Amino acid sequence: MMLTRSFISSYLLTSFDFNEGLIEKLESGLETINSKGTLRILVPSEEEKIKIKTTIEFEEYNNKSYYDFVCSIFDDLDIPNTERERLYKIVQSIANNDFDYDNVKEIIEFSYKKMSR
């Protein structure tokens, strides 16, 4: 599910397969907004507020570009700057923007070893 907002319009993208009940509620709410110009909602309970806050998971790599993620592994492995561009292209073609540290590290180690022969 994804929501984008701007001053002009908002878009909500969701999957029907996983959100059938939610979609029905959203459609009902939209009908109310369109007919009455308002939507009345209930303020979440304290328990619901805690649940809402704890459902957002944060992982450090989410703030990094894929390039920065791969470069941090190059740094960890002490890969020389002269080899990084070529290795990055290899990683991109094999890992396809996979943020799995161990998998990308393995690809880099293997490829660098083969390049060094």
Protein backbone atom coordinates (compact mmCIF):
# COMPACT_ATOMS: atom_id res chain seq x y z
CA MET A 1 0.00 0.00 0.00
CA MET A 2 1.29 3.44 -0.85
CA LEU A 3 -0.09 6.96 -0.33
CA THR A 4 1.20 10.06 -2.07
CA ARG A 5 -0.01 13.53 -1.16
CA SER A 6 0.29 16.96 -2.64
CA PHE A 7 -1.61 20.22 -2.52
CA ILE A 8 -3.45 19.33 -5.72
CA SER A 9 -4.37 15.68 -5.27
CA SER A 10 -3.61 12.48 -3.39
CA TYR A 11 -3.24 8.94 -4.67
CA LEU A 12 -3.66 5.71 -2.73
CA LEU A 13 -2.36 2.55 -4.37
CA THR A 14 -3.25 -0.78 -2.81
CA SER A 15 -3.69 -4.44 -3.69
CA PHE A 16 -7.25 -5.75 -3.77
CA ASP A 17 -6.09 -9.29 -2.88
CA PHE A 18 -4.75 -8.25 0.53
CA ASN A 19 -7.03 -5.33 1.36
CA GLU A 20 -10.54 -6.25 0.25
CA GLY A 21 -12.16 -5.20 3.55
CA LEU A 22 -10.14 -1.99 3.69
CA ILE A 23 -11.08 -1.07 0.12
CA GLU A 24 -14.77 -1.37 0.97
CA LYS A 25 -14.30 0.99 3.93
CA LEU A 26 -12.33 3.44 1.80
CA GLU A 27 -15.01 3.47 -0.89
CA SER A 28 -17.68 4.11 1.74
CA GLY A 29 -15.61 6.95 3.21
CA LEU A 30 -15.09 8.47 -0.24
CA GLU A 31 -18.83 8.38 -0.90
CA THR A 32 -19.40 10.26 2.37
CA ILE A 33 -16.73 12.83 1.51
CA ASN A 34 -18.20 13.37 -1.94
CA SER A 35 -21.80 13.66 -0.74
CA LYS A 36 -21.33 15.53 2.58
CA GLY A 37 -17.92 17.13 2.17
CA THR A 38 -16.73 15.66 5.50
CA LEU A 39 -15.59 12.41 7.02
CA ARG A 40 -16.11 11.62 10.69
CA ILE A 41 -13.52 9.35 12.24
CA LEU A 42 -12.84 7.98 15.70
CA VAL A 43 -9.64 9.02 17.44
CA PRO A 44 -7.51 5.91 17.98
CA SER A 45 -7.26 4.56 21.52
CA GLU A 46 -3.92 4.80 23.33
CA GLU A 47 -3.35 1.10 22.62
CA GLU A 48 -4.05 1.63 18.90
CA LYS A 49 -1.68 4.62 18.84
CA ILE A 50 1.09 2.45 20.31
CA LYS A 51 0.40 -0.26 17.71
CA ILE A 52 0.52 2.29 14.90
CA LYS A 53 3.85 3.66 16.09
CA THR A 54 5.42 0.22 16.47
CA THR A 55 4.43 -1.15 13.07
CA ILE A 56 6.93 1.05 11.23
CA GLU A 57 10.21 -0.82 10.93
CA PHE A 58 13.42 1.05 10.30
CA GLU A 59 16.50 -0.41 8.71
CA GLU A 60 19.58 1.70 8.18
CA TYR A 61 20.03 0.81 4.51
CA ASN A 62 16.61 2.28 3.71
CA ASN A 63 18.25 5.70 3.90
CA LYS A 64 21.08 4.72 1.57
CA SER A 65 21.08 4.52 -2.18
CA TYR A 66 22.05 1.18 -3.63
CA TYR A 67 25.32 2.72 -4.80
CA ASP A 68 26.13 3.88 -1.24
CA PHE A 69 25.15 0.46 0.12
CA VAL A 70 27.55 -1.32 -2.25
CA CYS A 71 30.31 1.25 -1.63
CA SER A 72 30.04 0.63 2.11
CA ILE A 73 30.74 -3.05 1.43
CA PHE A 74 33.69 -2.06 -0.78
CA ASP A 75 34.97 -0.07 2.20
CA ASP A 76 34.47 -3.01 4.56
CA LEU A 77 36.46 -5.24 2.19
CA ASP A 78 39.13 -2.62 1.44
CA ILE A 79 38.46 -2.82 -2.29
CA PRO A 80 40.76 -0.37 -4.15
CA ASN A 81 39.07 2.59 -5.85
CA THR A 82 40.49 1.50 -9.19
CA GLU A 83 38.39 -1.69 -9.14
CA ARG A 84 35.12 -0.34 -7.73
CA GLU A 85 33.43 0.87 -10.90
CA ARG A 86 33.88 -2.45 -12.65
CA LEU A 87 32.83 -4.40 -9.55
CA TYR A 88 29.78 -2.18 -9.07
CA LYS A 89 28.59 -3.00 -12.60
CA ILE A 90 29.02 -6.71 -11.87
CA VAL A 91 27.09 -6.44 -8.60
CA GLN A 92 24.28 -4.53 -10.31
CA SER A 93 23.95 -7.13 -13.05
CA ILE A 94 23.93 -10.08 -10.64
CA ALA A 95 22.27 -8.77 -7.47
CA ASN A 96 19.78 -6.43 -9.19
CA ASN A 97 19.52 -3.88 -6.35
CA ASP A 98 19.37 -6.55 -3.65
CA PHE A 99 20.13 -5.01 -0.23
CA ASP A 100 21.14 -8.36 1.30
CA TYR A 101 24.55 -7.51 2.77
CA ASP A 102 25.87 -11.08 2.85
CA ASN A 103 24.79 -11.84 -0.71
CA VAL A 104 26.31 -8.66 -2.15
CA LYS A 105 29.48 -9.15 -0.13
CA GLU A 106 29.81 -12.70 -1.49
CA ILE A 107 29.38 -11.46 -5.08
CA ILE A 108 32.02 -8.77 -4.54
CA GLU A 109 34.50 -11.14 -2.91
CA PHE A 110 34.10 -13.77 -5.62
CA SER A 111 34.29 -11.26 -8.49
CA TYR A 112 37.25 -9.40 -7.02
CA LYS A 113 39.10 -12.67 -6.54
CA LYS A 114 38.48 -13.61 -10.19
CA MET A 115 39.52 -10.12 -11.38
CA SER A 116 42.76 -10.30 -9.42
CA ARG A 117 44.04 -13.39 -11.23
